[in-house]
């Protein structure tokens, strides 16, 4: 059982990571096509997403290593992950569709790095869009932890009464 603060910190960190992933993928378009620099940015994005995925699924991996079946996902976790996936995919697709016309318009207006500007914008929009999703998930986990702690206290009290 984690503290309420750690659930909230994870929610904010998850939203920031979502923004960084989508925004940096767009900002990488500023780098030359098929260059090592762009490949390193994409490799960094892939590493960050894989690392967070392993981190989130660590309890399931531990259970699998012990030969135990995975625990079922909580409904609020499934809802949050689905909503996050839809929102980040939506912003990514929107950035991809708008990339050409918007970057050309920004270049005509004198911006030297339009993809970087577009990446920052879409990254911030993604983070702001997923923050409420992750926050609701954190609140649900906090409520679940408090409920579990209450039940644990009741059980300890009953066990103590039985010993007397």
N, C-alpha and C. Protein backbone atom coordinates (compact mmCIF):
# COMPACT_ATOMS: atom_id res chain seq x y z
N UNK A 1 0.84 -1.17 0.00
CA UNK A 1 0.00 0.00 0.00
C UNK A 1 0.89 1.23 0.00
N UNK A 2 0.70 2.08 -0.98
CA UNK A 2 1.51 3.28 -1.13
C UNK A 2 0.80 4.47 -0.49
N UNK A 3 1.56 5.50 -0.21
CA UNK A 3 0.98 6.70 0.38
C UNK A 3 0.19 7.48 -0.67
N UNK A 4 -0.68 8.35 -0.19
CA UNK A 4 -1.48 9.17 -1.10
C UNK A 4 -0.57 10.06 -1.94
N UNK A 5 0.50 10.56 -1.32
CA UNK A 5 1.42 11.43 -2.05
C UNK A 5 2.09 10.67 -3.19
N UNK A 6 2.48 9.43 -2.94
CA UNK A 6 3.15 8.68 -4.02
C UNK A 6 2.18 8.40 -5.17
N UNK A 7 0.92 8.16 -4.88
CA UNK A 7 -0.06 7.97 -5.96
C UNK A 7 -0.19 9.26 -6.78
N UNK A 8 -0.22 10.40 -6.09
CA UNK A 8 -0.36 11.67 -6.79
C UNK A 8 0.90 11.99 -7.61
N UNK A 9 2.07 11.70 -7.05
CA UNK A 9 3.32 11.93 -7.78
C UNK A 9 3.37 11.07 -9.04
N UNK A 10 2.93 9.81 -8.91
CA UNK A 10 2.89 8.93 -10.09
C UNK A 10 1.93 9.46 -11.14
N UNK A 11 0.81 10.03 -10.70
CA UNK A 11 -0.16 10.58 -11.65
C UNK A 11 0.46 11.74 -12.43
N UNK A 12 1.12 12.64 -11.73
CA UNK A 12 1.74 13.78 -12.40
C UNK A 12 2.88 13.31 -13.31
N UNK A 13 3.70 12.38 -12.81
CA UNK A 13 4.81 11.87 -13.61
C UNK A 13 4.31 11.16 -14.86
N UNK A 14 3.21 10.43 -14.75
CA UNK A 14 2.65 9.74 -15.91
C UNK A 14 2.16 10.73 -16.96
N UNK A 15 1.50 11.79 -16.51
CA UNK A 15 1.02 12.81 -17.45
C UNK A 15 2.19 13.51 -18.13
N UNK A 16 3.23 13.83 -17.36
CA UNK A 16 4.41 14.49 -17.94
C UNK A 16 5.08 13.57 -18.95
N UNK A 17 5.19 12.29 -18.62
CA UNK A 17 5.80 11.34 -19.55
C UNK A 17 4.99 11.24 -20.84
N UNK A 18 3.67 11.21 -20.72
CA UNK A 18 2.83 11.18 -21.92
C UNK A 18 3.13 12.38 -22.81
N UNK A 19 3.22 13.57 -22.20
CA UNK A 19 3.51 14.77 -22.97
C UNK A 19 4.89 14.73 -23.59
N UNK A 20 5.87 14.23 -22.84
CA UNK A 20 7.23 14.15 -23.37
C UNK A 20 7.32 13.18 -24.55
N UNK A 21 6.62 12.06 -24.44
CA UNK A 21 6.68 11.07 -25.52
C UNK A 21 6.08 11.63 -26.80
N UNK A 22 4.89 12.17 -26.71
CA UNK A 22 4.23 12.68 -27.92
C UNK A 22 4.94 13.93 -28.44
N UNK A 23 5.31 14.83 -27.53
CA UNK A 23 5.97 16.06 -27.95
C UNK A 23 7.36 15.83 -28.54
N UNK A 24 8.13 14.93 -27.93
CA UNK A 24 9.47 14.70 -28.45
C UNK A 24 9.43 13.94 -29.78
N UNK A 25 8.42 13.11 -29.98
CA UNK A 25 8.29 12.44 -31.28
C UNK A 25 8.05 13.47 -32.38
N UNK A 26 7.25 14.48 -32.09
CA UNK A 26 7.02 15.54 -33.08
C UNK A 26 8.25 16.44 -33.22
N UNK A 27 8.87 16.79 -32.10
CA UNK A 27 10.04 17.67 -32.15
C UNK A 27 11.20 17.01 -32.88
N UNK A 28 11.27 15.69 -32.85
CA UNK A 28 12.35 14.98 -33.54
C UNK A 28 12.28 15.17 -35.05
N UNK A 29 11.13 15.57 -35.55
CA UNK A 29 11.00 15.83 -36.99
C UNK A 29 11.90 16.99 -37.42
N UNK A 30 12.35 17.77 -36.46
CA UNK A 30 13.25 18.88 -36.75
C UNK A 30 14.62 18.36 -37.20
N UNK A 31 14.96 17.17 -36.76
CA UNK A 31 16.26 16.56 -37.09
C UNK A 31 16.20 15.95 -38.49
N UNK A 32 17.34 15.81 -39.14
CA UNK A 32 17.35 15.25 -40.49
C UNK A 32 16.76 13.84 -40.53
N UNK A 33 16.04 13.55 -41.59
CA UNK A 33 15.44 12.22 -41.75
C UNK A 33 16.53 11.16 -41.83
N UNK A 34 16.26 10.01 -41.25
CA UNK A 34 17.18 8.86 -41.25
C UNK A 34 18.55 9.21 -40.67
N UNK A 35 18.57 10.13 -39.71
CA UNK A 35 19.84 10.49 -39.07
C UNK A 35 19.97 9.77 -37.74
N UNK A 36 21.22 9.67 -37.27
CA UNK A 36 21.44 9.04 -35.98
C UNK A 36 20.84 9.87 -34.86
N UNK A 37 20.80 11.18 -35.03
CA UNK A 37 20.22 12.04 -34.00
C UNK A 37 18.73 11.73 -33.82
N UNK A 38 18.01 11.61 -34.92
CA UNK A 38 16.58 11.29 -34.83
C UNK A 38 16.39 9.88 -34.29
N UNK A 39 17.23 8.95 -34.72
CA UNK A 39 17.14 7.58 -34.23
C UNK A 39 17.37 7.53 -32.72
N UNK A 40 18.30 8.35 -32.21
CA UNK A 40 18.55 8.38 -30.76
C UNK A 40 17.35 8.92 -30.00
N UNK A 41 16.69 9.93 -30.56
CA UNK A 41 15.48 10.46 -29.90
C UNK A 41 14.41 9.38 -29.85
N UNK A 42 14.20 8.70 -30.97
CA UNK A 42 13.19 7.65 -30.99
C UNK A 42 13.57 6.49 -30.07
N UNK A 43 14.86 6.17 -30.01
CA UNK A 43 15.32 5.11 -29.09
C UNK A 43 15.09 5.53 -27.63
N UNK A 44 15.30 6.80 -27.34
CA UNK A 44 15.04 7.30 -25.99
C UNK A 44 13.56 7.22 -25.64
N UNK A 45 12.72 7.56 -26.60
CA UNK A 45 11.27 7.46 -26.38
C UNK A 45 10.89 6.01 -26.12
N UNK A 46 11.39 5.12 -26.94
CA UNK A 46 11.10 3.69 -26.79
C UNK A 46 11.59 3.18 -25.44
N UNK A 47 12.78 3.58 -25.02
CA UNK A 47 13.33 3.17 -23.74
C UNK A 47 12.47 3.68 -22.59
N UNK A 48 12.03 4.93 -22.66
CA UNK A 48 11.19 5.50 -21.60
C UNK A 48 9.86 4.76 -21.50
N UNK A 49 9.23 4.51 -22.63
CA UNK A 49 7.94 3.80 -22.61
C UNK A 49 8.11 2.37 -22.11
N UNK A 50 9.16 1.69 -22.57
CA UNK A 50 9.40 0.31 -22.12
C UNK A 50 9.71 0.29 -20.62
N UNK A 51 10.51 1.24 -20.16
CA UNK A 51 10.85 1.30 -18.74
C UNK A 51 9.63 1.52 -17.85
N UNK A 52 8.77 2.43 -18.26
CA UNK A 52 7.56 2.69 -17.48
C UNK A 52 6.63 1.49 -17.52
N UNK A 53 6.54 0.84 -18.66
CA UNK A 53 5.69 -0.35 -18.76
C UNK A 53 6.17 -1.45 -17.83
N UNK A 54 7.48 -1.70 -17.82
CA UNK A 54 8.03 -2.72 -16.92
C UNK A 54 7.80 -2.32 -15.47
N UNK A 55 8.01 -1.04 -15.16
CA UNK A 55 7.82 -0.54 -13.80
C UNK A 55 6.37 -0.75 -13.34
N UNK A 56 5.41 -0.44 -14.21
CA UNK A 56 3.99 -0.60 -13.86
C UNK A 56 3.60 -2.07 -13.73
N UNK A 57 4.23 -2.92 -14.52
CA UNK A 57 3.87 -4.34 -14.52
C UNK A 57 4.79 -5.18 -13.64
N UNK A 58 5.62 -4.54 -12.84
CA UNK A 58 6.55 -5.28 -11.98
C UNK A 58 5.85 -6.25 -11.04
N UNK A 59 4.74 -5.88 -10.39
CA UNK A 59 4.06 -6.86 -9.54
C UNK A 59 3.59 -8.10 -10.32
N UNK A 60 3.11 -7.91 -11.53
CA UNK A 60 2.68 -9.03 -12.35
C UNK A 60 3.87 -9.89 -12.74
N UNK A 61 4.99 -9.24 -13.08
CA UNK A 61 6.19 -10.00 -13.42
C UNK A 61 6.71 -10.81 -12.23
N UNK A 62 6.66 -10.21 -11.04
CA UNK A 62 7.09 -10.94 -9.84
C UNK A 62 6.22 -12.16 -9.60
N UNK A 63 4.91 -11.99 -9.76
CA UNK A 63 4.00 -13.12 -9.58
C UNK A 63 4.28 -14.20 -10.62
N UNK A 64 4.54 -13.80 -11.86
CA UNK A 64 4.81 -14.78 -12.92
C UNK A 64 6.09 -15.56 -12.61
N UNK A 65 7.11 -14.88 -12.09
CA UNK A 65 8.35 -15.56 -11.75
C UNK A 65 8.17 -16.57 -10.61
N UNK A 66 7.21 -16.30 -9.74
CA UNK A 66 6.92 -17.24 -8.64
C UNK A 66 5.94 -18.32 -9.07
N UNK A 67 5.48 -18.27 -10.32
CA UNK A 67 4.55 -19.28 -10.82
C UNK A 67 3.11 -19.02 -10.45
N UNK A 68 2.79 -17.80 -10.04
CA UNK A 68 1.42 -17.45 -9.66
C UNK A 68 0.71 -16.79 -10.84
N UNK A 69 -0.60 -16.93 -10.89
CA UNK A 69 -1.33 -16.26 -11.98
C UNK A 69 -1.39 -14.75 -11.72
N UNK A 70 -1.52 -13.96 -12.76
CA UNK A 70 -1.60 -12.50 -12.55
C UNK A 70 -2.91 -12.13 -11.87
N UNK A 71 -2.86 -11.07 -11.08
CA UNK A 71 -4.07 -10.54 -10.46
C UNK A 71 -4.88 -9.81 -11.52
N UNK A 72 -6.19 -9.86 -11.42
CA UNK A 72 -6.99 -9.13 -12.42
C UNK A 72 -6.80 -7.62 -12.25
N UNK A 73 -6.86 -6.91 -13.36
CA UNK A 73 -6.75 -5.46 -13.32
C UNK A 73 -7.97 -4.86 -12.64
N UNK A 74 -7.72 -3.80 -11.89
CA UNK A 74 -8.82 -3.06 -11.29
C UNK A 74 -9.55 -2.31 -12.41
N UNK A 75 -10.85 -2.14 -12.28
CA UNK A 75 -11.59 -1.42 -13.34
C UNK A 75 -11.07 0.00 -13.56
N UNK A 76 -10.69 0.70 -12.48
CA UNK A 76 -10.20 2.06 -12.66
C UNK A 76 -8.85 2.08 -13.38
N UNK A 77 -8.05 1.02 -13.22
CA UNK A 77 -6.79 0.94 -13.96
C UNK A 77 -7.04 0.72 -15.44
N UNK A 78 -7.97 -0.18 -15.76
CA UNK A 78 -8.29 -0.44 -17.16
C UNK A 78 -8.85 0.81 -17.83
N UNK A 79 -9.74 1.50 -17.13
CA UNK A 79 -10.34 2.71 -17.68
C UNK A 79 -9.28 3.78 -17.91
N UNK A 80 -8.38 3.95 -16.94
CA UNK A 80 -7.34 4.97 -17.06
C UNK A 80 -6.39 4.65 -18.22
N UNK A 81 -5.99 3.41 -18.33
CA UNK A 81 -5.06 3.05 -19.41
C UNK A 81 -5.70 3.21 -20.78
N UNK A 82 -6.96 2.84 -20.89
CA UNK A 82 -7.65 3.00 -22.16
C UNK A 82 -7.80 4.47 -22.52
N UNK A 83 -8.22 5.27 -21.55
CA UNK A 83 -8.38 6.71 -21.82
C UNK A 83 -7.04 7.35 -22.16
N UNK A 84 -5.99 6.98 -21.46
CA UNK A 84 -4.65 7.52 -21.75
C UNK A 84 -4.21 7.13 -23.15
N UNK A 85 -4.44 5.90 -23.53
CA UNK A 85 -4.05 5.43 -24.86
C UNK A 85 -4.81 6.19 -25.95
N UNK A 86 -6.10 6.39 -25.74
CA UNK A 86 -6.90 7.10 -26.73
C UNK A 86 -6.45 8.56 -26.86
N UNK A 87 -6.21 9.20 -25.71
CA UNK A 87 -5.82 10.62 -25.74
C UNK A 87 -4.44 10.79 -26.37
N UNK A 88 -3.46 10.00 -25.97
CA UNK A 88 -2.12 10.17 -26.53
C UNK A 88 -2.08 9.81 -28.02
N UNK A 89 -2.82 8.77 -28.39
CA UNK A 89 -2.89 8.41 -29.81
C UNK A 89 -3.57 9.52 -30.60
N UNK A 90 -4.62 10.08 -30.04
CA UNK A 90 -5.32 11.18 -30.71
C UNK A 90 -4.44 12.39 -30.94
N UNK A 91 -3.70 12.79 -29.91
CA UNK A 91 -2.79 13.94 -30.07
C UNK A 91 -1.67 13.61 -31.05
N UNK A 92 -1.18 12.38 -31.00
CA UNK A 92 -0.13 11.97 -31.95
C UNK A 92 -0.62 12.01 -33.38
N UNK A 93 -1.82 11.50 -33.60
CA UNK A 93 -2.39 11.53 -34.95
C UNK A 93 -2.68 12.95 -35.42
N UNK A 94 -3.17 13.77 -34.52
CA UNK A 94 -3.43 15.17 -34.87
C UNK A 94 -2.13 15.89 -35.23
N UNK A 95 -1.08 15.64 -34.45
CA UNK A 95 0.21 16.26 -34.76
C UNK A 95 0.74 15.77 -36.10
N UNK A 96 0.56 14.49 -36.37
CA UNK A 96 1.02 13.93 -37.64
C UNK A 96 0.26 14.54 -38.81
N UNK A 97 -1.05 14.67 -38.66
CA UNK A 97 -1.86 15.23 -39.75
C UNK A 97 -1.59 16.71 -39.96
N UNK A 98 -1.35 17.44 -38.87
CA UNK A 98 -1.15 18.89 -38.98
C UNK A 98 0.30 19.27 -39.21
N UNK A 99 1.19 18.32 -39.11
CA UNK A 99 2.63 18.61 -39.18
C UNK A 99 3.02 19.40 -40.42
N UNK A 100 2.68 18.91 -41.59
CA UNK A 100 3.09 19.58 -42.83
C UNK A 100 2.56 20.98 -42.96
N UNK A 101 1.24 21.16 -42.93
CA UNK A 101 0.70 22.51 -43.11
C UNK A 101 1.11 23.49 -42.00
N UNK A 102 1.11 23.02 -40.77
CA UNK A 102 1.44 23.93 -39.66
C UNK A 102 2.92 24.30 -39.71
N UNK A 103 3.79 23.32 -39.96
CA UNK A 103 5.22 23.65 -40.01
C UNK A 103 5.54 24.59 -41.17
N UNK A 104 4.88 24.41 -42.30
CA UNK A 104 5.10 25.33 -43.42
C UNK A 104 4.62 26.74 -43.07
N UNK A 105 3.45 26.82 -42.43
CA UNK A 105 2.93 28.13 -42.03
C UNK A 105 3.85 28.80 -41.01
N UNK A 106 4.38 28.03 -40.08
CA UNK A 106 5.29 28.60 -39.08
C UNK A 106 6.60 29.06 -39.72
N UNK A 107 7.09 28.29 -40.68
CA UNK A 107 8.31 28.70 -41.39
C UNK A 107 8.10 30.01 -42.16
N UNK A 108 6.94 30.13 -42.80
CA UNK A 108 6.63 31.38 -43.53
C UNK A 108 6.58 32.57 -42.57
N UNK A 109 6.18 32.31 -41.34
CA UNK A 109 6.10 33.39 -40.36
C UNK A 109 7.45 33.66 -39.69
N UNK A 110 8.47 32.91 -40.08
CA UNK A 110 9.80 33.21 -39.58
C UNK A 110 10.31 32.33 -38.45
N UNK A 111 9.58 31.30 -38.09
CA UNK A 111 10.05 30.40 -37.04
C UNK A 111 11.10 29.46 -37.62
N UNK A 112 12.26 29.42 -36.99
CA UNK A 112 13.36 28.61 -37.50
C UNK A 112 13.16 27.12 -37.21
N UNK A 113 12.45 26.80 -36.15
CA UNK A 113 12.26 25.40 -35.74
C UNK A 113 10.77 25.10 -35.51
N UNK A 114 10.01 24.98 -36.58
CA UNK A 114 8.56 24.80 -36.42
C UNK A 114 8.18 23.46 -35.79
N UNK A 115 8.94 22.40 -36.08
CA UNK A 115 8.61 21.10 -35.51
C UNK A 115 8.83 21.10 -33.99
N UNK A 116 9.86 21.80 -33.56
CA UNK A 116 10.12 21.92 -32.13
C UNK A 116 8.99 22.67 -31.45
N UNK A 117 8.55 23.75 -32.06
CA UNK A 117 7.44 24.53 -31.51
C UNK A 117 6.16 23.69 -31.48
N UNK A 118 5.89 22.99 -32.56
CA UNK A 118 4.71 22.12 -32.62
C UNK A 118 4.83 20.99 -31.60
N UNK A 119 6.03 20.44 -31.44
CA UNK A 119 6.25 19.38 -30.46
C UNK A 119 5.99 19.85 -29.04
N UNK A 120 6.45 21.05 -28.71
CA UNK A 120 6.19 21.59 -27.38
C UNK A 120 4.69 21.78 -27.18
N UNK A 121 4.03 22.31 -28.17
CA UNK A 121 2.59 22.53 -28.06
C UNK A 121 1.80 21.24 -27.89
N UNK A 122 2.09 20.27 -28.73
CA UNK A 122 1.35 19.01 -28.65
C UNK A 122 1.74 18.23 -27.39
N UNK A 123 2.98 18.38 -26.93
CA UNK A 123 3.40 17.72 -25.69
C UNK A 123 2.68 18.29 -24.49
N UNK A 124 2.59 19.60 -24.42
CA UNK A 124 1.87 20.24 -23.31
C UNK A 124 0.39 19.87 -23.37
N UNK A 125 -0.19 19.89 -24.56
CA UNK A 125 -1.60 19.53 -24.70
C UNK A 125 -1.85 18.08 -24.28
N UNK A 126 -0.95 17.19 -24.64
CA UNK A 126 -1.09 15.78 -24.25
C UNK A 126 -1.01 15.63 -22.74
N UNK A 127 -0.01 16.28 -22.14
CA UNK A 127 0.14 16.18 -20.68
C UNK A 127 -1.08 16.74 -19.97
N UNK A 128 -1.57 17.88 -20.42
CA UNK A 128 -2.75 18.47 -19.79
C UNK A 128 -4.00 17.62 -20.00
N UNK A 129 -4.06 16.91 -21.13
CA UNK A 129 -5.22 16.07 -21.42
C UNK A 129 -5.21 14.77 -20.63
N UNK A 130 -4.03 14.22 -20.38
CA UNK A 130 -3.97 12.95 -19.64
C UNK A 130 -3.89 13.15 -18.14
N UNK A 131 -3.54 14.34 -17.68
CA UNK A 131 -3.42 14.58 -16.24
C UNK A 131 -4.72 14.24 -15.48
N UNK A 132 -5.89 14.67 -15.95
CA UNK A 132 -7.11 14.30 -15.21
C UNK A 132 -7.36 12.80 -15.16
N UNK A 133 -6.98 12.09 -16.21
CA UNK A 133 -7.16 10.64 -16.24
C UNK A 133 -6.30 9.99 -15.16
N UNK A 134 -5.02 10.37 -15.14
CA UNK A 134 -4.11 9.78 -14.15
C UNK A 134 -4.49 10.22 -12.74
N UNK A 135 -5.00 11.45 -12.58
CA UNK A 135 -5.38 11.94 -11.26
C UNK A 135 -6.58 11.14 -10.73
N UNK A 136 -7.56 10.87 -11.59
CA UNK A 136 -8.70 10.05 -11.16
C UNK A 136 -8.24 8.66 -10.75
N UNK A 137 -7.28 8.11 -11.49
CA UNK A 137 -6.74 6.79 -11.15
C UNK A 137 -6.05 6.85 -9.79
N UNK A 138 -5.30 7.91 -9.56
CA UNK A 138 -4.63 8.06 -8.26
C UNK A 138 -5.65 8.16 -7.13
N UNK A 139 -6.71 8.93 -7.34
CA UNK A 139 -7.74 9.08 -6.31
C UNK A 139 -8.43 7.74 -6.03
N UNK A 140 -8.66 6.97 -7.07
CA UNK A 140 -9.28 5.65 -6.88
C UNK A 140 -8.35 4.73 -6.10
N UNK A 141 -7.07 4.79 -6.40
CA UNK A 141 -6.11 3.96 -5.66
C UNK A 141 -5.99 4.40 -4.21
N UNK A 142 -6.03 5.70 -3.97
CA UNK A 142 -5.98 6.21 -2.60
C UNK A 142 -7.19 5.71 -1.83
N UNK A 143 -8.37 5.80 -2.43
CA UNK A 143 -9.59 5.32 -1.78
C UNK A 143 -9.51 3.82 -1.52
N UNK A 144 -8.98 3.08 -2.48
CA UNK A 144 -8.84 1.63 -2.31
C UNK A 144 -7.86 1.31 -1.17
N UNK A 145 -6.76 2.03 -1.11
CA UNK A 145 -5.78 1.81 -0.04
C UNK A 145 -6.37 2.13 1.33
N UNK A 146 -7.14 3.21 1.40
CA UNK A 146 -7.77 3.56 2.68
C UNK A 146 -8.79 2.51 3.10
N UNK A 147 -9.54 2.02 2.14
CA UNK A 147 -10.51 0.98 2.42
C UNK A 147 -9.82 -0.29 2.90
N UNK A 148 -8.75 -0.66 2.24
CA UNK A 148 -7.99 -1.85 2.62
C UNK A 148 -7.38 -1.68 4.01
N UNK A 149 -6.87 -0.49 4.30
CA UNK A 149 -6.29 -0.23 5.62
C UNK A 149 -7.36 -0.34 6.70
N UNK A 150 -8.56 0.17 6.40
CA UNK A 150 -9.66 0.05 7.36
C UNK A 150 -10.03 -1.40 7.62
N UNK A 151 -10.09 -2.19 6.56
CA UNK A 151 -10.40 -3.61 6.72
C UNK A 151 -9.29 -4.34 7.48
N UNK A 152 -8.05 -3.97 7.22
CA UNK A 152 -6.94 -4.57 7.95
C UNK A 152 -7.01 -4.25 9.43
N UNK A 153 -7.38 -3.01 9.74
CA UNK A 153 -7.51 -2.62 11.15
C UNK A 153 -8.64 -3.39 11.83
N UNK A 154 -9.77 -3.55 11.13
CA UNK A 154 -10.89 -4.32 11.69
C UNK A 154 -10.50 -5.77 11.91
N UNK A 155 -9.79 -6.35 10.97
CA UNK A 155 -9.35 -7.73 11.10
C UNK A 155 -8.38 -7.89 12.27
N UNK A 156 -7.46 -6.94 12.42
CA UNK A 156 -6.52 -7.01 13.54
C UNK A 156 -7.26 -6.89 14.87
N UNK A 157 -8.27 -6.05 14.91
CA UNK A 157 -9.07 -5.87 16.12
C UNK A 157 -9.82 -7.17 16.45
N UNK A 158 -10.42 -7.80 15.44
CA UNK A 158 -11.13 -9.06 15.65
C UNK A 158 -10.19 -10.17 16.12
N UNK A 159 -9.03 -10.23 15.55
CA UNK A 159 -8.04 -11.23 15.97
C UNK A 159 -7.58 -10.99 17.41
N UNK A 160 -7.45 -9.74 17.76
CA UNK A 160 -7.07 -9.40 19.13
C UNK A 160 -8.17 -9.81 20.11
N UNK A 161 -9.42 -9.59 19.73
CA UNK A 161 -10.55 -9.98 20.60
C UNK A 161 -10.61 -11.49 20.73
N UNK A 162 -10.29 -12.21 19.68
CA UNK A 162 -10.35 -13.66 19.73
C UNK A 162 -9.26 -14.22 20.65
N UNK A 163 -8.13 -13.56 20.74
CA UNK A 163 -7.05 -14.01 21.60
C UNK A 163 -7.37 -13.80 23.08
N UNK A 164 -8.17 -12.81 23.34
CA UNK A 164 -8.50 -12.52 24.75
C UNK A 164 -9.46 -13.48 25.34
